[in-house]
Amino acid sequence: MLRIGLTGGIGAGKSTVARTFSDCGGVIVDGDVLAREVVEPGTEGLAALVEAFGSAILQPDGTLDRPALAALAFSDESRRATLNGIVHPLVAGRRAQLIAEAAASPDNPVVVEDIPLLVESGMAPLFPLVVVVHTEEQTRVSRLIEHRGMTAADARARIAAQATEKQRRAVADVWLDNSGTPDQLAADARALWQQRIAPFAANLEAGRSVPAPLRVSAADPTWPEQAARITARLSTACGHHAVRVDHIGSTAVAGLDAKDVIDVQVTVRSLEDADAVAENIRAAGYPRWETVSADMAKPDPRSTVAEFDHNDDVALWQKRFHASADPGRPTHVHIRVDGWPNQQFALLFVDWLRVNPDLHAEYLAVKRDAERAASTGEAIADYAEAKEPWLVDAYRRAWQWADTVDWRPSGS
């Protein structure tokens, strides 16, 4: 089962996207619907709201007067916090129930969780993919006046109480611009489903990772932002088993051309811990490749960084490896043990390149040679083999530099 987080500001057009995803076969868990359900007459939610805000929030028939509640709750930060403290836990419980029911289905559904306050509640890292629908504020205000009967002041107050555009962009794996017509937005959502979401779900079900591109791309200034979303997702998936989670590899070095693959290192205390989080990492969107055995007599050939030195115990070079099932964001997840040579070198290598920009051209030339080798051979294996001699020497030179500057991993 693939879980998608769908969000957007009030009046942005999120409902259009949800309907389109539903038409494509998605199971929609709508936060707005759940928020209404948990405060229906006779529920503990409505009783708690009346206790907190008074009977003036009730209609004559005993149902919730939503405009009256909004006028009270959104006029004051503490009152809004009270409202959220009552409703959010109830919605979360109902959501968990619906997701469990969907997970038990034999149809392997894609569950789309429509959550208006996904950003504000810090829930983004729980999802393998977050889709944000965006529309400029004035357009949203006009829609809220026309379709929901709000005053301009009320509409702007509701918008101001939600996340900013910058905050939403920080968590968005996909940004859907709703500046056009509803039909255009629906077409964009349908294309997203067909080209990314459906293949992602199929890959995840099959335990299949997307192939990494072998062509070197121009440095992308958004790589660190993309990596931040991935590291947050993996930190959440691994919980206390992760000592640290770091963006590593060439995409972590500003200005360095590289393959468009985000490399992330999850540091754990033991390979047993790596195995313990394997299923959580898979559910987060990163299936595991074949296990690297503990008695392996050579380094893992899939590594993008040299992981072998004859002066080190070979057993200390082992790791576990996962890769993304999302065709829209190739990602490699290296799980390594804290303090082992491969874990240390992955951190050192990035710092060494960052403070020695003269090495960029040298390393890029190696990448270009490897790219040519991969185009005429067996792809990733030939790419890695072509880089290996330079990387083995880089291991020696980087540690010489580390000794000179008394290097320590950041945050240690």
Protein backbone atom coordinates (compact mmCIF):
# COMPACT_ATOMS: atom_id res chain seq x y z
CA MET A 1 0.00 0.00 0.00
CA LEU A 2 1.26 3.45 -0.96
CA ARG A 3 0.21 6.42 1.17
CA ILE A 4 0.05 9.87 -0.41
CA GLY A 5 -0.23 13.07 1.61
CA LEU A 6 -2.38 15.67 -0.15
CA THR A 7 -2.62 19.21 1.17
CA GLY A 8 -3.03 22.85 0.21
CA GLY A 9 -4.34 26.05 1.66
CA ILE A 10 -8.04 26.66 2.09
CA GLY A 11 -9.58 27.48 -1.28
CA ALA A 12 -6.57 26.22 -3.25
CA GLY A 13 -8.44 23.49 -5.14
CA LYS A 14 -7.40 20.43 -3.20
CA SER A 15 -10.86 18.87 -3.54
CA THR A 16 -10.53 18.81 -7.34
CA VAL A 17 -7.31 16.86 -7.05
CA ALA A 18 -8.82 14.47 -4.52
CA ARG A 19 -11.77 13.75 -6.81
CA THR A 20 -9.42 13.11 -9.72
CA PHE A 21 -7.30 10.74 -7.66
CA SER A 22 -10.48 8.97 -6.58
CA ASP A 23 -11.53 8.58 -10.22
CA CYS A 24 -8.10 7.04 -10.89
CA GLY A 25 -8.69 4.42 -8.20
CA GLY A 26 -7.29 6.05 -5.09
CA VAL A 27 -8.84 5.50 -1.67
CA ILE A 28 -9.47 9.00 -0.32
CA VAL A 29 -9.25 9.67 3.40
CA ASP A 30 -10.52 13.26 3.63
CA GLY A 31 -9.47 15.24 6.67
CA ASP A 32 -12.32 17.73 6.24
CA VAL A 33 -14.87 14.92 6.11
CA LEU A 34 -13.37 13.31 9.18
CA ALA A 35 -13.30 16.66 10.99
CA ARG A 36 -17.06 16.98 10.42
CA GLU A 37 -17.71 13.35 11.33
CA VAL A 38 -16.00 13.53 14.73
CA VAL A 39 -18.14 16.50 15.85
CA GLU A 40 -21.55 15.25 14.77
CA PRO A 41 -24.35 15.36 17.38
CA GLY A 42 -23.83 12.80 20.11
CA THR A 43 -20.06 12.54 19.65
CA GLU A 44 -17.45 13.19 22.31
CA GLY A 45 -15.92 15.75 19.96
CA LEU A 46 -18.98 17.98 19.89
CA ALA A 47 -19.40 17.69 23.66
CA ALA A 48 -15.78 18.80 24.16
CA LEU A 49 -16.24 21.79 21.84
CA VAL A 50 -19.35 22.93 23.70
CA GLU A 51 -17.52 22.65 26.98
CA ALA A 52 -14.63 24.73 25.62
CA PHE A 53 -16.52 27.36 23.60
CA GLY A 54 -20.04 27.38 24.99
CA SER A 55 -23.49 26.48 23.63
CA ALA A 56 -23.44 29.48 21.27
CA ILE A 57 -21.60 27.28 18.76
CA LEU A 58 -24.69 25.05 18.38
CA GLN A 59 -27.50 25.44 15.89
CA PRO A 60 -31.15 25.10 17.15
CA ASP A 61 -31.18 21.47 15.98
CA GLY A 62 -28.08 20.64 18.04
CA THR A 63 -25.62 20.48 15.17
CA LEU A 64 -22.40 22.46 15.12
CA ASP A 65 -22.64 26.04 13.87
CA ARG A 66 -19.33 26.11 12.03
CA PRO A 67 -19.23 29.85 11.22
CA ALA A 68 -19.90 30.64 14.88
CA LEU A 69 -17.10 28.29 15.99
CA ALA A 70 -14.73 29.73 13.38
CA ALA A 71 -15.46 33.29 14.52
CA LEU A 72 -14.46 32.34 18.05
CA ALA A 73 -11.58 29.98 17.35
CA PHE A 74 -9.78 31.95 14.66
CA SER A 75 -9.86 35.24 16.50
CA ASP A 76 -7.30 34.14 19.07
CA GLU A 77 -4.20 31.93 18.97
CA SER A 78 -4.96 30.18 22.26
CA ARG A 79 -8.53 29.42 21.20
CA ARG A 80 -7.33 28.01 17.89
CA ALA A 81 -4.93 25.79 19.82
CA THR A 82 -7.83 24.61 21.98
CA LEU A 83 -9.87 23.75 18.89
CA ASN A 84 -6.99 21.86 17.32
CA GLY A 85 -6.29 20.03 20.59
CA ILE A 86 -9.84 18.69 20.62
CA VAL A 87 -10.37 17.86 16.96
CA HIS A 88 -6.95 16.69 15.76
CA PRO A 89 -6.61 13.63 18.03
CA LEU A 90 -10.13 12.49 17.15
CA VAL A 91 -9.48 12.90 13.43
CA ALA A 92 -6.17 11.06 13.76
CA GLY A 93 -7.85 8.12 15.44
CA ARG A 94 -10.54 7.85 12.79
CA ARG A 95 -7.93 8.22 10.03
CA ALA A 96 -5.86 5.38 11.50
CA GLN A 97 -8.94 3.16 11.53
CA LEU A 98 -9.71 3.83 7.85
CA ILE A 99 -6.10 3.28 6.78
CA ALA A 100 -5.96 -0.03 8.63
CA GLU A 101 -9.11 -1.11 6.80
CA ALA A 102 -7.58 -0.12 3.45
CA ALA A 103 -4.33 -1.92 4.24
CA ALA A 104 -6.27 -5.11 4.89
CA SER A 105 -7.71 -4.98 1.36
CA PRO A 106 -6.24 -7.48 -1.14
CA ASP A 107 -6.30 -4.84 -3.88
CA ASN A 108 -3.15 -3.00 -2.71
CA PRO A 109 -4.79 0.43 -2.87
CA VAL A 110 -3.16 3.81 -3.05
CA VAL A 111 -4.44 5.70 -0.02
CA VAL A 112 -4.62 9.46 -0.50
CA GLU A 113 -4.87 11.28 2.80
CA ASP A 114 -6.41 14.69 2.21
CA ILE A 115 -5.12 16.69 5.18
CA PRO A 116 -5.67 20.47 5.20
CA LEU A 117 -3.19 21.02 8.06
CA LEU A 118 -0.61 18.45 7.02
CA VAL A 119 2.21 21.01 7.20
CA GLU A 120 1.07 22.62 10.43
CA SER A 121 0.73 19.26 12.17
CA GLY A 122 4.22 18.12 11.11
CA MET A 123 2.85 15.04 9.35
CA ALA A 124 4.69 15.40 6.02
CA PRO A 125 7.53 12.96 6.87
CA LEU A 126 4.95 10.19 7.40
CA PHE A 127 4.27 9.97 3.66
CA PRO A 128 6.36 8.54 0.82
CA LEU A 129 4.99 11.34 -1.38
CA VAL A 130 3.50 14.72 -0.49
CA VAL A 131 1.40 16.60 -3.07
CA VAL A 132 0.66 20.28 -2.47
CA VAL A 133 -2.01 22.20 -4.40
CA HIS A 134 -1.32 25.93 -4.61
CA THR A 135 -3.23 29.01 -5.70
CA GLU A 136 -2.37 32.66 -5.10
CA GLU A 137 -4.00 34.22 -2.04
CA GLN A 138 -6.28 36.70 -3.80
CA THR A 139 -7.76 33.93 -5.95
CA ARG A 140 -8.39 31.87 -2.83
CA VAL A 141 -10.07 34.78 -1.08
CA SER A 142 -12.37 35.30 -4.07
CA ARG A 143 -13.29 31.61 -4.11
CA LEU A 144 -14.04 31.55 -0.39
CA ILE A 145 -16.31 34.59 -0.72
CA GLU A 146 -18.12 33.16 -3.74
CA HIS A 147 -18.40 29.49 -2.82
CA ARG A 148 -18.41 29.46 0.99
CA GLY A 149 -20.08 32.75 1.78
CA MET A 150 -17.18 34.11 3.85
CA THR A 151 -16.38 37.77 4.20
CA ALA A 152 -13.03 38.91 2.84
CA ALA A 153 -11.80 39.48 6.38
CA ASP A 154 -12.80 35.97 7.48
CA ALA A 155 -11.20 34.43 4.40
CA ARG A 156 -7.91 36.22 4.98
CA ALA A 157 -7.94 35.28 8.67
CA ARG A 158 -8.37 31.61 7.77
CA ILE A 159 -5.54 31.81 5.24
CA ALA A 160 -3.26 33.63 7.69
CA ALA A 161 -3.86 30.91 10.29
CA GLN A 162 -2.48 28.24 7.94
CA ALA A 163 1.02 27.45 6.70
CA THR A 164 2.82 29.87 4.41
CA GLU A 165 3.75 29.13 0.82
CA LYS A 166 7.39 28.76 1.88
CA GLN A 167 6.47 26.19 4.53
CA ARG A 168 4.41 24.19 2.05
CA ARG A 169 7.14 24.25 -0.59
CA ALA A 170 9.58 22.84 1.95
CA VAL A 171 7.56 19.61 2.27
CA ALA A 172 6.22 19.33 -1.29
CA ASP A 173 7.49 16.46 -3.40
CA VAL A 174 4.97 17.60 -6.02
CA TRP A 175 3.72 21.18 -6.44
CA LEU A 176 0.45 21.43 -8.40
CA ASP A 177 -0.24 24.97 -9.59
CA ASN A 178 -3.96 25.75 -9.72
CA SER A 179 -3.73 29.11 -11.41
CA GLY A 180 -5.72 27.82 -14.41
CA THR A 181 -9.12 26.18 -14.77
CA PRO A 182 -10.45 23.22 -12.76
CA ASP A 183 -10.19 21.10 -15.90
CA GLN A 184 -6.51 21.98 -16.26
CA LEU A 185 -5.87 21.07 -12.63
CA ALA A 186 -7.71 17.76 -13.05
CA ALA A 187 -5.65 16.98 -16.16
CA ASP A 188 -2.41 17.71 -14.28
CA ALA A 189 -3.52 15.51 -11.39
CA ARG A 190 -4.46 12.67 -13.75
CA ALA A 191 -1.07 12.88 -15.48
CA LEU A 192 0.67 12.83 -12.10
CA TRP A 193 -1.26 9.71 -11.16
CA GLN A 194 -0.48 7.89 -14.39
CA GLN A 195 3.16 8.90 -14.71
CA ARG A 196 4.31 8.81 -11.11
CA ILE A 197 1.86 7.63 -8.48
CA ALA A 198 0.62 4.44 -10.17
CA PRO A 199 4.16 3.30 -11.14
CA PHE A 200 5.37 4.15 -7.63
CA ALA A 201 2.65 1.96 -6.10
CA ALA A 202 3.39 -0.90 -8.49
CA ASN A 203 7.11 -0.72 -7.78
CA LEU A 204 6.53 -0.68 -4.05
CA GLU A 205 4.22 -3.69 -4.20
CA ALA A 206 6.81 -5.62 -6.25
CA GLY A 207 9.71 -4.52 -4.03
CA ARG A 208 11.26 -2.94 -7.12
CA SER A 209 13.50 0.13 -7.19
CA VAL A 210 13.75 2.58 -10.07
CA PRO A 211 17.02 2.44 -12.05
CA ALA A 212 19.45 5.20 -11.30
CA PRO A 213 20.32 7.52 -14.20
CA LEU A 214 23.90 7.11 -15.39
CA ARG A 215 24.23 10.44 -17.15
CA VAL A 216 25.88 13.24 -15.22
CA SER A 217 23.61 16.27 -14.84
CA ALA A 218 24.38 19.90 -14.16
CA ALA A 219 24.38 20.70 -10.45
CA ASP A 220 20.84 21.31 -9.23
CA PRO A 221 20.57 23.92 -6.44
CA THR A 222 17.40 22.18 -5.17
CA TRP A 223 19.16 18.89 -4.41
CA PRO A 224 19.71 19.83 -0.73
CA GLU A 225 16.01 20.77 -0.36
CA GLN A 226 14.95 17.47 -1.89
CA ALA A 227 17.38 15.63 0.35
CA ALA A 228 15.97 17.39 3.43
CA ARG A 229 12.54 15.92 2.70
CA ILE A 230 14.05 12.46 2.24
CA THR A 231 16.16 12.60 5.40
CA ALA A 232 13.12 13.73 7.41
CA ARG A 233 11.13 10.82 5.98
CA LEU A 234 13.86 8.31 6.79
CA SER A 235 14.43 9.72 10.28
CA THR A 236 10.73 9.23 10.97
CA ALA A 237 10.77 5.71 9.51
CA CYS A 238 13.83 4.61 11.48
CA GLY A 239 12.96 6.28 14.77
CA HIS A 240 15.35 5.52 17.63
CA HIS A 241 17.28 3.01 15.51
CA ALA A 242 18.90 5.88 13.57
CA VAL A 243 21.89 7.53 15.19
CA ARG A 244 21.90 10.13 12.43
CA VAL A 245 20.64 10.56 8.85
CA ASP A 246 22.78 12.50 6.37
CA HIS A 247 22.69 13.68 2.79
CA ILE A 248 25.89 12.28 1.27
CA GLY A 249 27.47 11.82 -2.14
CA SER A 250 28.01 14.31 -4.93
CA THR A 251 24.55 15.91 -4.74
CA ALA A 252 25.45 17.08 -1.23
CA VAL A 253 28.29 19.22 -2.61
CA ALA A 254 27.14 22.59 -3.92
CA GLY A 255 28.04 23.26 -7.53
CA LEU A 256 29.24 19.72 -8.28
CA ASP A 257 27.73 18.10 -11.36
CA ALA A 258 26.47 14.61 -10.61
CA LYS A 259 24.01 11.89 -11.49
CA ASP A 260 20.54 13.00 -10.46
CA VAL A 261 20.38 10.56 -7.55
CA ILE A 262 20.05 11.61 -3.93
CA ASP A 263 22.31 9.51 -1.69
CA VAL A 264 21.39 9.31 1.98
CA GLN A 265 23.23 7.56 4.77
CA VAL A 266 21.34 6.21 7.77
CA THR A 267 23.74 5.55 10.62
CA VAL A 268 22.73 2.73 12.98
CA ARG A 269 24.39 1.02 15.92
CA SER A 270 24.52 -2.43 14.32
CA LEU A 271 23.52 -4.32 11.21
CA GLU A 272 20.82 -5.91 13.34
CA ASP A 273 19.33 -2.45 13.75
CA ALA A 274 19.55 -1.98 9.98
CA ASP A 275 17.58 -5.17 9.50
CA ALA A 276 15.05 -4.13 12.15
CA VAL A 277 14.08 -0.99 10.20
CA ALA A 278 14.06 -2.59 6.74
CA GLU A 279 10.27 -2.88 6.56
CA ASN A 280 9.71 0.69 7.79
CA ILE A 281 12.10 2.00 5.16
CA ARG A 282 10.34 -0.04 2.48
CA ALA A 283 6.98 1.38 3.55
CA ALA A 284 8.49 4.87 3.31
CA GLY A 285 9.12 4.19 -0.39
CA TYR A 286 12.56 2.56 -0.44
CA PRO A 287 12.62 -1.22 -1.06
CA ARG A 288 15.65 -3.14 0.07
CA TRP A 289 18.13 -4.64 -2.33
CA GLU A 290 19.60 -8.09 -1.74
CA THR A 291 21.04 -8.37 1.76
CA VAL A 292 24.79 -7.97 2.06
CA SER A 293 25.88 -10.93 4.21
CA ALA A 294 27.99 -10.48 7.33
CA ASP A 295 30.72 -12.87 6.12
CA MET A 296 31.11 -11.26 2.70
CA ALA A 297 34.74 -11.30 1.56
CA LYS A 298 34.64 -8.20 -0.65
CA PRO A 299 33.02 -4.77 -0.58
CA ASP A 300 29.51 -4.20 -1.82
CA PRO A 301 29.84 -3.47 -5.58
CA ARG A 302 26.73 -1.28 -5.53
CA SER A 303 28.34 1.41 -3.43
CA THR A 304 28.80 4.83 -5.00
CA VAL A 305 31.80 5.49 -2.74
CA ALA A 306 34.81 3.23 -2.43
CA GLU A 307 34.27 1.02 0.61
CA PHE A 308 37.40 -1.04 0.80
CA ASP A 309 40.88 -0.64 2.18
CA HIS A 310 43.14 -3.65 2.67
CA ASN A 311 44.29 -2.21 5.98
CA ASP A 312 40.78 -2.42 7.42
CA ASP A 313 38.83 -5.45 8.55
CA VAL A 314 36.61 -6.35 5.58
CA ALA A 315 33.69 -7.16 7.89
CA LEU A 316 33.63 -3.48 8.92
CA TRP A 317 32.78 -2.44 5.36
CA GLN A 318 29.39 -4.05 5.16
CA LYS A 319 26.08 -2.20 4.95
CA ARG A 320 22.44 -2.55 3.96
CA PHE A 321 21.13 -0.86 0.85
CA HIS A 322 17.69 0.44 -0.18
CA ALA A 323 16.63 2.43 -3.24
CA SER A 324 13.58 4.45 -4.16
CA ALA A 325 10.51 2.97 -5.84
CA ASP A 326 9.43 6.50 -6.85
CA PRO A 327 10.16 7.13 -10.55
CA GLY A 328 10.12 10.85 -9.87
CA ARG A 329 12.99 10.86 -7.36
CA PRO A 330 15.77 8.25 -7.69
CA THR A 331 17.33 7.81 -4.26
CA HIS A 332 19.91 5.49 -2.72
CA VAL A 333 19.74 4.74 1.00
CA HIS A 334 22.95 3.38 2.54
CA ILE A 335 22.56 1.98 6.06
CA ARG A 336 25.92 1.78 7.80
CA VAL A 337 27.14 1.15 11.32
CA ASP A 338 28.29 4.05 13.46
CA GLY A 339 32.08 4.37 13.51
CA TRP A 340 32.79 1.78 10.81
CA PRO A 341 35.19 2.92 8.04
CA ASN A 342 32.51 3.12 5.34
CA GLN A 343 30.21 5.20 7.55
CA GLN A 344 33.00 7.60 8.46
CA PHE A 345 34.29 7.94 4.91
CA ALA A 346 30.85 8.76 3.49
CA LEU A 347 30.75 11.80 5.79
CA LEU A 348 34.39 12.69 5.29
CA PHE A 349 34.19 12.51 1.50
CA VAL A 350 31.50 15.20 1.33
CA ASP A 351 33.38 17.55 3.69
CA TRP A 352 36.64 16.97 1.81
CA LEU A 353 35.04 17.93 -1.50
CA ARG A 354 33.24 20.91 0.00
CA VAL A 355 36.42 22.55 1.31
CA ASN A 356 38.55 21.58 -1.70
CA PRO A 357 36.70 22.92 -4.76
CA ASP A 358 39.79 22.33 -6.92
CA LEU A 359 38.91 18.62 -6.69
CA HIS A 360 35.57 19.13 -8.42
CA ALA A 361 36.98 19.21 -11.95
CA GLU A 362 39.13 16.18 -11.18
CA TYR A 363 36.21 14.18 -9.86
CA LEU A 364 33.92 15.33 -12.68
CA ALA A 365 36.42 14.05 -15.25
CA VAL A 366 36.30 10.65 -13.51
CA LYS A 367 32.50 10.74 -13.64
CA ARG A 368 32.53 11.52 -17.36
CA ASP A 369 34.89 8.60 -18.02
CA ALA A 370 32.63 6.34 -15.96
CA GLU A 371 29.59 7.57 -17.85
CA ARG A 372 31.22 6.60 -21.16
CA ALA A 373 32.18 3.19 -19.76
CA ALA A 374 28.62 2.56 -18.61
CA SER A 375 27.19 3.47 -22.01
CA THR A 376 29.10 0.64 -23.66
CA GLY A 377 28.98 -2.00 -20.93
CA GLU A 378 26.77 -3.25 -18.13
CA ALA A 379 25.53 0.09 -16.88
CA ILE A 380 25.84 0.59 -13.11
CA ALA A 381 28.48 -2.09 -12.55
CA ASP A 382 30.75 -0.57 -15.21
CA TYR A 383 30.08 2.95 -13.91
CA ALA A 384 31.19 1.93 -10.41
CA GLU A 385 34.20 -0.02 -11.67
CA ALA A 386 35.43 2.90 -13.77
CA LYS A 387 35.38 5.20 -10.74
CA GLU A 388 36.97 2.72 -8.35
CA PRO A 389 40.71 3.49 -8.86
CA TRP A 390 40.21 7.21 -8.30
CA LEU A 391 38.00 6.62 -5.29
CA VAL A 392 40.46 4.26 -3.65
CA ASP A 393 43.13 6.96 -3.98
CA ALA A 394 40.61 9.57 -2.80
CA TYR A 395 40.09 7.53 0.34
CA ARG A 396 43.79 7.85 1.15
CA ARG A 397 43.99 11.56 0.31
CA ALA A 398 40.81 12.45 2.17
CA TRP A 399 42.05 10.81 5.36
CA GLN A 400 45.38 12.59 5.04
CA TRP A 401 43.45 15.86 4.89
CA ALA A 402 41.28 14.76 7.84
CA ASP A 403 44.35 14.10 9.97
CA THR A 404 45.77 17.49 9.04
CA VAL A 405 42.67 19.44 10.09
CA ASP A 406 41.64 17.10 12.92
CA TRP A 407 38.37 16.41 11.12
CA ARG A 408 35.35 15.12 13.00
CA PRO A 409 31.89 14.43 11.54
CA SER A 410 29.62 17.42 11.99
CA GLY A 411 27.28 17.02 14.92
CA SER A 412 29.46 14.40 16.63
